[in-house]
Amino acid sequence: MTGETEQTVTGGTEQAAVAEALGYEQARDELIEVVRRLEAGGTTLEESLALWERGEELAKVCRRWLEGARARLDAALAEEADDAEAEDAGEGE
């Protein structure tokens, strides 16, 4: 690997770790900014690729947050349904 490639790989790993530490709103806001910059154009190919890679990382962070929220909601709804079934079973006795 060349020094430049190693730096990109290491930098990408560090960026991914930083992205993972972001909250949903922070990741979403940064993703919006990345998309805005890409749509505006005027960046070099290398800059555009870096922005795209960052956007992919941020999208993954957002997706994980949303999947976690969905799992929590599903668990809460399942618990509520179980409680309602237990109440109904108790009234029938």
N, C-alpha and C. Protein backbone atom coordinates (compact mmCIF):
# COMPACT_ATOMS: atom_id res chain seq x y z
N MET A 1 0.83 -1.18 0.00
CA MET A 1 0.00 0.00 0.00
C MET A 1 0.88 1.24 0.00
N THR A 2 0.44 2.26 -0.72
CA THR A 2 1.21 3.50 -0.70
C THR A 2 0.83 4.29 0.54
N GLY A 3 1.64 5.27 0.86
CA GLY A 3 1.35 6.10 2.02
C GLY A 3 0.02 6.81 1.90
N GLU A 4 -0.30 7.24 0.67
CA GLU A 4 -1.57 7.93 0.45
C GLU A 4 -2.75 7.00 0.67
N THR A 5 -2.66 5.77 0.18
CA THR A 5 -3.73 4.80 0.36
C THR A 5 -3.89 4.46 1.83
N GLU A 6 -2.79 4.25 2.53
CA GLU A 6 -2.86 3.95 3.96
C GLU A 6 -3.54 5.08 4.71
N GLN A 7 -3.18 6.31 4.35
CA GLN A 7 -3.77 7.46 5.02
C GLN A 7 -5.28 7.49 4.78
N THR A 8 -5.71 7.20 3.55
CA THR A 8 -7.13 7.20 3.23
C THR A 8 -7.85 6.11 4.01
N VAL A 9 -7.28 4.92 4.06
CA VAL A 9 -7.91 3.82 4.79
C VAL A 9 -7.99 4.14 6.27
N THR A 10 -6.89 4.61 6.84
CA THR A 10 -6.88 4.96 8.26
C THR A 10 -7.84 6.11 8.53
N GLY A 11 -7.82 7.14 7.67
CA GLY A 11 -8.71 8.27 7.83
C GLY A 11 -10.16 7.84 7.75
N GLY A 12 -10.45 6.92 6.84
CA GLY A 12 -11.81 6.42 6.70
C GLY A 12 -12.26 5.68 7.94
N THR A 13 -11.38 4.89 8.52
CA THR A 13 -11.71 4.16 9.75
C THR A 13 -11.95 5.13 10.90
N GLU A 14 -11.11 6.13 10.99
CA GLU A 14 -11.29 7.14 12.05
C GLU A 14 -12.59 7.90 11.84
N GLN A 15 -12.89 8.26 10.59
CA GLN A 15 -14.13 8.97 10.31
C GLN A 15 -15.34 8.12 10.67
N ALA A 16 -15.28 6.83 10.37
CA ALA A 16 -16.39 5.93 10.69
C ALA A 16 -16.60 5.88 12.19
N ALA A 17 -15.51 5.82 12.96
CA ALA A 17 -15.62 5.79 14.42
C ALA A 17 -16.23 7.08 14.94
N VAL A 18 -15.84 8.19 14.37
CA VAL A 18 -16.40 9.48 14.78
C VAL A 18 -17.88 9.53 14.41
N ALA A 19 -18.22 9.05 13.23
CA ALA A 19 -19.62 9.05 12.79
C ALA A 19 -20.48 8.21 13.73
N GLU A 20 -19.96 7.08 14.18
CA GLU A 20 -20.71 6.20 15.08
C GLU A 20 -21.04 6.90 16.39
N ALA A 21 -20.21 7.86 16.81
CA ALA A 21 -20.42 8.55 18.07
C ALA A 21 -21.48 9.64 17.96
N LEU A 22 -21.90 9.97 16.74
CA LEU A 22 -22.88 11.03 16.55
C LEU A 22 -24.27 10.58 16.94
N GLY A 23 -25.05 11.52 17.43
CA GLY A 23 -26.46 11.26 17.65
C GLY A 23 -27.19 11.32 16.32
N TYR A 24 -28.44 10.89 16.32
CA TYR A 24 -29.21 10.86 15.08
C TYR A 24 -29.31 12.24 14.44
N GLU A 25 -29.69 13.25 15.24
CA GLU A 25 -29.89 14.58 14.69
C GLU A 25 -28.60 15.16 14.13
N GLN A 26 -27.49 14.92 14.81
CA GLN A 26 -26.20 15.42 14.32
C GLN A 26 -25.84 14.76 13.00
N ALA A 27 -26.00 13.45 12.92
CA ALA A 27 -25.67 12.72 11.70
C ALA A 27 -26.58 13.16 10.56
N ARG A 28 -27.86 13.32 10.85
CA ARG A 28 -28.82 13.75 9.83
C ARG A 28 -28.48 15.14 9.30
N ASP A 29 -28.19 16.06 10.21
CA ASP A 29 -27.86 17.42 9.79
C ASP A 29 -26.59 17.46 8.95
N GLU A 30 -25.58 16.69 9.36
CA GLU A 30 -24.35 16.65 8.57
C GLU A 30 -24.60 16.00 7.21
N LEU A 31 -25.43 14.96 7.18
CA LEU A 31 -25.77 14.31 5.91
C LEU A 31 -26.48 15.29 4.97
N ILE A 32 -27.37 16.09 5.50
CA ILE A 32 -28.05 17.10 4.69
C ILE A 32 -27.03 18.06 4.09
N GLU A 33 -26.06 18.47 4.88
CA GLU A 33 -25.02 19.38 4.39
C GLU A 33 -24.17 18.71 3.31
N VAL A 34 -23.83 17.45 3.50
CA VAL A 34 -23.04 16.72 2.51
C VAL A 34 -23.81 16.65 1.19
N VAL A 35 -25.08 16.31 1.25
CA VAL A 35 -25.89 16.22 0.04
C VAL A 35 -25.98 17.60 -0.64
N ARG A 36 -26.17 18.64 0.15
CA ARG A 36 -26.24 19.99 -0.41
C ARG A 36 -24.97 20.34 -1.17
N ARG A 37 -23.82 20.01 -0.56
CA ARG A 37 -22.54 20.31 -1.20
C ARG A 37 -22.35 19.50 -2.48
N LEU A 38 -22.76 18.24 -2.46
CA LEU A 38 -22.64 17.41 -3.66
C LEU A 38 -23.56 17.93 -4.77
N GLU A 39 -24.77 18.31 -4.41
CA GLU A 39 -25.71 18.81 -5.42
C GLU A 39 -25.28 20.15 -5.98
N ALA A 40 -24.60 20.96 -5.18
CA ALA A 40 -24.15 22.27 -5.63
C ALA A 40 -23.04 22.15 -6.66
N GLY A 41 -22.28 21.05 -6.60
CA GLY A 41 -21.19 20.86 -7.54
C GLY A 41 -20.02 21.77 -7.20
N GLY A 42 -19.12 21.91 -8.16
CA GLY A 42 -17.97 22.78 -7.96
C GLY A 42 -16.85 22.16 -7.15
N THR A 43 -16.96 20.86 -6.85
CA THR A 43 -15.89 20.20 -6.11
C THR A 43 -15.11 19.31 -7.06
N THR A 44 -13.90 19.01 -6.68
CA THR A 44 -13.07 18.12 -7.49
C THR A 44 -13.61 16.70 -7.36
N LEU A 45 -13.14 15.83 -8.21
CA LEU A 45 -13.54 14.43 -8.14
C LEU A 45 -13.16 13.85 -6.78
N GLU A 46 -11.96 14.13 -6.32
CA GLU A 46 -11.50 13.60 -5.03
C GLU A 46 -12.37 14.13 -3.88
N GLU A 47 -12.70 15.41 -3.92
CA GLU A 47 -13.57 15.99 -2.89
C GLU A 47 -14.96 15.37 -2.94
N SER A 48 -15.47 15.18 -4.16
CA SER A 48 -16.79 14.58 -4.31
C SER A 48 -16.82 13.16 -3.78
N LEU A 49 -15.77 12.40 -4.05
CA LEU A 49 -15.70 11.03 -3.53
C LEU A 49 -15.64 11.02 -2.01
N ALA A 50 -14.86 11.92 -1.44
CA ALA A 50 -14.76 12.00 0.02
C ALA A 50 -16.11 12.38 0.62
N LEU A 51 -16.80 13.31 -0.01
CA LEU A 51 -18.14 13.69 0.48
C LEU A 51 -19.11 12.52 0.38
N TRP A 52 -19.07 11.81 -0.74
CA TRP A 52 -19.95 10.67 -0.92
C TRP A 52 -19.69 9.61 0.15
N GLU A 53 -18.40 9.31 0.40
CA GLU A 53 -18.05 8.32 1.42
C GLU A 53 -18.54 8.76 2.79
N ARG A 54 -18.39 10.03 3.10
CA ARG A 54 -18.87 10.54 4.38
C ARG A 54 -20.39 10.42 4.45
N GLY A 55 -21.05 10.74 3.35
CA GLY A 55 -22.50 10.61 3.31
C GLY A 55 -22.96 9.19 3.55
N GLU A 56 -22.25 8.22 2.98
CA GLU A 56 -22.58 6.81 3.20
C GLU A 56 -22.45 6.45 4.68
N GLU A 57 -21.37 6.91 5.31
CA GLU A 57 -21.17 6.64 6.74
C GLU A 57 -22.28 7.26 7.57
N LEU A 58 -22.63 8.49 7.26
CA LEU A 58 -23.68 9.18 8.01
C LEU A 58 -25.03 8.51 7.79
N ALA A 59 -25.31 8.06 6.58
CA ALA A 59 -26.56 7.36 6.30
C ALA A 59 -26.65 6.07 7.13
N LYS A 60 -25.53 5.36 7.26
CA LYS A 60 -25.51 4.14 8.08
C LYS A 60 -25.81 4.46 9.53
N VAL A 61 -25.23 5.54 10.03
CA VAL A 61 -25.48 5.95 11.42
C VAL A 61 -26.97 6.25 11.61
N CYS A 62 -27.53 7.02 10.69
CA CYS A 62 -28.96 7.35 10.78
C CYS A 62 -29.82 6.09 10.73
N ARG A 63 -29.48 5.19 9.82
CA ARG A 63 -30.23 3.94 9.68
C ARG A 63 -30.18 3.13 10.98
N ARG A 64 -28.99 3.06 11.60
CA ARG A 64 -28.88 2.30 12.87
C ARG A 64 -29.73 2.93 13.96
N TRP A 65 -29.71 4.26 14.06
CA TRP A 65 -30.53 4.94 15.06
C TRP A 65 -32.01 4.65 14.81
N LEU A 66 -32.44 4.73 13.55
CA LEU A 66 -33.84 4.49 13.24
C LEU A 66 -34.23 3.04 13.48
N GLU A 67 -33.35 2.10 13.15
CA GLU A 67 -33.63 0.68 13.43
C GLU A 67 -33.73 0.43 14.93
N GLY A 68 -32.87 1.09 15.70
CA GLY A 68 -32.93 0.97 17.15
C GLY A 68 -34.23 1.54 17.71
N ALA A 69 -34.64 2.67 17.17
CA ALA A 69 -35.90 3.28 17.62
C ALA A 69 -37.07 2.38 17.28
N ARG A 70 -37.04 1.79 16.07
CA ARG A 70 -38.12 0.89 15.66
C ARG A 70 -38.18 -0.34 16.59
N ALA A 71 -37.02 -0.87 16.94
CA ALA A 71 -36.98 -2.03 17.83
C ALA A 71 -37.56 -1.68 19.20
N ARG A 72 -37.23 -0.51 19.70
CA ARG A 72 -37.77 -0.07 21.00
C ARG A 72 -39.29 0.09 20.94
N LEU A 73 -39.78 0.68 19.84
CA LEU A 73 -41.22 0.84 19.69
C LEU A 73 -41.92 -0.51 19.59
N ASP A 74 -41.34 -1.40 18.80
CA ASP A 74 -41.93 -2.73 18.66
C ASP A 74 -41.97 -3.45 20.00
N ALA A 75 -40.90 -3.34 20.78
CA ALA A 75 -40.86 -3.99 22.09
C ALA A 75 -41.91 -3.39 23.02
N ALA A 76 -42.05 -2.07 23.00
CA ALA A 76 -43.04 -1.41 23.86
C ALA A 76 -44.46 -1.81 23.45
N LEU A 77 -44.72 -1.87 22.15
CA LEU A 77 -46.04 -2.26 21.68
C LEU A 77 -46.35 -3.72 22.00
N ALA A 78 -45.34 -4.58 21.90
CA ALA A 78 -45.53 -6.00 22.23
C ALA A 78 -45.81 -6.15 23.72
N GLU A 79 -45.12 -5.39 24.54
CA GLU A 79 -45.33 -5.45 26.00
C GLU A 79 -46.74 -4.96 26.34
N GLU A 80 -47.16 -3.90 25.67
CA GLU A 80 -48.50 -3.37 25.89
C GLU A 80 -49.56 -4.39 25.49
N ALA A 81 -49.34 -5.07 24.38
CA ALA A 81 -50.29 -6.10 23.92
C ALA A 81 -50.32 -7.27 24.90
N ASP A 82 -49.16 -7.66 25.41
CA ASP A 82 -49.10 -8.75 26.39
C ASP A 82 -49.85 -8.37 27.67
N ASP A 83 -49.67 -7.12 28.11
CA ASP A 83 -50.37 -6.65 29.31
C ASP A 83 -51.89 -6.66 29.10
N ALA A 84 -52.33 -6.24 27.92
CA ALA A 84 -53.76 -6.21 27.62
C ALA A 84 -54.32 -7.62 27.58
N GLU A 85 -53.58 -8.58 27.00
CA GLU A 85 -54.02 -9.97 26.95
C GLU A 85 -54.11 -10.54 28.36
N ALA A 86 -53.14 -10.20 29.20
CA ALA A 86 -53.15 -10.71 30.58
C ALA A 86 -54.36 -10.15 31.34
N GLU A 87 -54.68 -8.90 31.12
CA GLU A 87 -55.86 -8.30 31.77
C GLU A 87 -57.14 -8.98 31.30
N ASP A 88 -57.23 -9.20 29.99
CA ASP A 88 -58.41 -9.86 29.44
C ASP A 88 -58.56 -11.27 29.98
N ALA A 89 -57.45 -11.99 30.10
CA ALA A 89 -57.49 -13.35 30.63
C ALA A 89 -57.89 -13.34 32.11
N GLY A 90 -57.45 -12.33 32.83
CA GLY A 90 -57.79 -12.23 34.26
C GLY A 90 -59.24 -11.90 34.48
N GLU A 91 -59.87 -11.16 33.59
CA GLU A 91 -61.27 -10.79 33.72
C GLU A 91 -62.19 -11.97 33.37
N GLY A 92 -61.70 -12.86 32.53
CA GLY A 92 -62.53 -14.00 32.09
C GLY A 92 -62.64 -15.09 33.14
N GLU A 93 -61.84 -15.04 34.15
CA GLU A 93 -61.84 -16.10 35.18
C GLU A 93 -62.86 -15.88 36.23
